[in-house]
Amino acid sequence: MDEQTEIELQAAAFRRLQQHLMQDRTDVQNIDLMNLAGFCRNCLSRWYQEAANEKGIEMDKMQAREIFYGMTMDEWKANFQTEASAQSQDAFKTAFAENVGKNG
């Protein structure tokens, strides 16, 4: 497989993951993703921001989130975010420290 085809397939897989998380499974909460998988929608938007910044494109965290989510964080939270249990919040502290805290 040539490099351009590989890049296109990776981009297609990313777009499908984004669609899955943003349209198909809006019921899955970021905190649960982080607790189970070590990443969430915010991580994906941060990785997008980092890639943009590496290419010399200025983009802050909120701009990247709005691009990834297709709406502002306030809109996402109002439409899809639910209250997390105390147990989920405690687990998140560990998951965040292990997966994000050391990287960003």
Protein backbone atom coordinates (compact mmCIF):
# COMPACT_ATOMS: atom_id res chain seq x y z
CA MET A 1 0.00 0.00 0.00
CA ASP A 2 1.36 3.40 -0.90
CA GLU A 3 1.73 6.12 1.75
CA GLN A 4 -1.03 8.39 0.37
CA THR A 5 -3.54 5.54 0.39
CA GLU A 6 -2.58 4.70 3.97
CA ILE A 7 -3.09 8.35 5.01
CA GLU A 8 -6.48 8.42 3.30
CA LEU A 9 -7.57 5.21 5.03
CA GLN A 10 -6.41 6.51 8.41
CA ALA A 11 -8.33 9.75 7.82
CA ALA A 12 -11.45 7.78 6.84
CA ALA A 13 -11.18 5.65 9.98
CA PHE A 14 -10.83 8.81 12.10
CA ARG A 15 -13.88 10.37 10.46
CA ARG A 16 -15.86 7.20 11.15
CA LEU A 17 -14.78 7.19 14.79
CA GLN A 18 -15.79 10.83 15.04
CA GLN A 19 -19.19 10.07 13.51
CA HIS A 20 -19.66 7.13 15.85
CA LEU A 21 -18.93 9.23 18.94
CA MET A 22 -20.67 12.41 17.82
CA GLN A 23 -23.78 11.02 16.10
CA ASP A 24 -24.27 7.32 16.73
CA ARG A 25 -23.36 7.13 20.44
CA THR A 26 -24.02 10.52 21.99
CA ASP A 27 -25.30 8.56 24.99
CA VAL A 28 -21.78 7.45 25.87
CA GLN A 29 -20.34 9.96 28.30
CA ASN A 30 -16.80 11.33 28.02
CA ILE A 31 -16.10 10.39 31.63
CA ASP A 32 -17.01 6.77 30.90
CA LEU A 33 -14.82 6.72 27.79
CA MET A 34 -11.89 8.10 29.78
CA ASN A 35 -12.43 5.68 32.63
CA LEU A 36 -12.63 2.65 30.34
CA ALA A 37 -10.36 3.51 27.42
CA GLY A 38 -8.05 6.24 28.68
CA PHE A 39 -9.26 8.77 26.11
CA CYS A 40 -12.44 10.65 25.26
CA ARG A 41 -13.84 13.13 22.76
CA ASN A 42 -11.83 15.92 24.39
CA CYS A 43 -8.63 13.92 23.93
CA LEU A 44 -9.43 13.44 20.25
CA SER A 45 -10.04 17.16 19.83
CA ARG A 46 -6.76 17.89 21.67
CA TRP A 47 -4.88 15.53 19.35
CA TYR A 48 -6.48 17.37 16.42
CA GLN A 49 -5.33 20.69 17.91
CA GLU A 50 -1.82 19.37 18.45
CA ALA A 51 -1.62 18.16 14.84
CA ALA A 52 -2.81 21.57 13.62
CA ASN A 53 -0.28 23.36 15.81
CA GLU A 54 2.51 21.09 14.50
CA LYS A 55 1.56 22.22 10.98
CA GLY A 56 1.80 25.88 12.06
CA ILE A 57 -1.97 26.35 12.28
CA GLU A 58 -2.90 28.35 15.35
CA MET A 59 -5.78 26.69 17.16
CA ASP A 60 -6.71 26.73 20.81
CA LYS A 61 -8.44 24.02 22.83
CA MET A 62 -11.93 25.48 22.46
CA GLN A 63 -11.58 25.98 18.70
CA ALA A 64 -10.45 22.36 18.30
CA ARG A 65 -13.35 21.12 20.42
CA GLU A 66 -15.86 23.09 18.39
CA ILE A 67 -14.44 21.65 15.16
CA PHE A 68 -14.46 18.09 16.53
CA TYR A 69 -17.84 18.31 18.26
CA GLY A 70 -19.50 20.32 15.49
CA MET A 71 -20.86 22.64 18.19
CA THR A 72 -19.65 24.51 21.24
CA MET A 73 -18.91 22.61 24.43
CA ASP A 74 -21.80 24.43 26.10
CA GLU A 75 -24.16 23.12 23.40
CA TRP A 76 -22.77 19.57 23.72
CA LYS A 77 -23.13 19.60 27.49
CA ALA A 78 -26.68 20.96 27.33
CA ASN A 79 -27.75 18.39 24.75
CA PHE A 80 -25.85 15.25 25.73
CA GLN A 81 -23.91 15.38 28.99
CA THR A 82 -25.41 13.81 32.08
CA GLU A 83 -24.38 14.04 35.72
CA ALA A 84 -21.55 11.67 36.58
CA SER A 85 -21.72 9.52 39.68
CA ALA A 86 -19.26 10.07 42.51
CA GLN A 87 -17.70 6.70 41.64
CA SER A 88 -17.19 7.77 38.01
CA GLN A 89 -15.71 11.07 39.12
CA ASP A 90 -13.24 9.30 41.42
CA ALA A 91 -12.24 6.87 38.66
CA PHE A 92 -11.81 9.81 36.29
CA LYS A 93 -9.20 11.42 38.55
CA THR A 94 -7.05 8.32 38.21
CA ALA A 95 -7.71 7.85 34.48
CA PHE A 96 -6.97 11.51 33.75
CA ALA A 97 -3.73 11.45 35.73
CA GLU A 98 -2.59 8.26 34.03
CA ASN A 99 -3.57 9.19 30.48
CA VAL A 100 -3.74 12.95 30.14
CA GLY A 101 -2.03 14.56 33.11
CA LYS A 102 1.39 13.34 32.07
CA ASN A 103 0.82 14.42 28.44
CA GLY A 104 -1.03 17.63 28.55
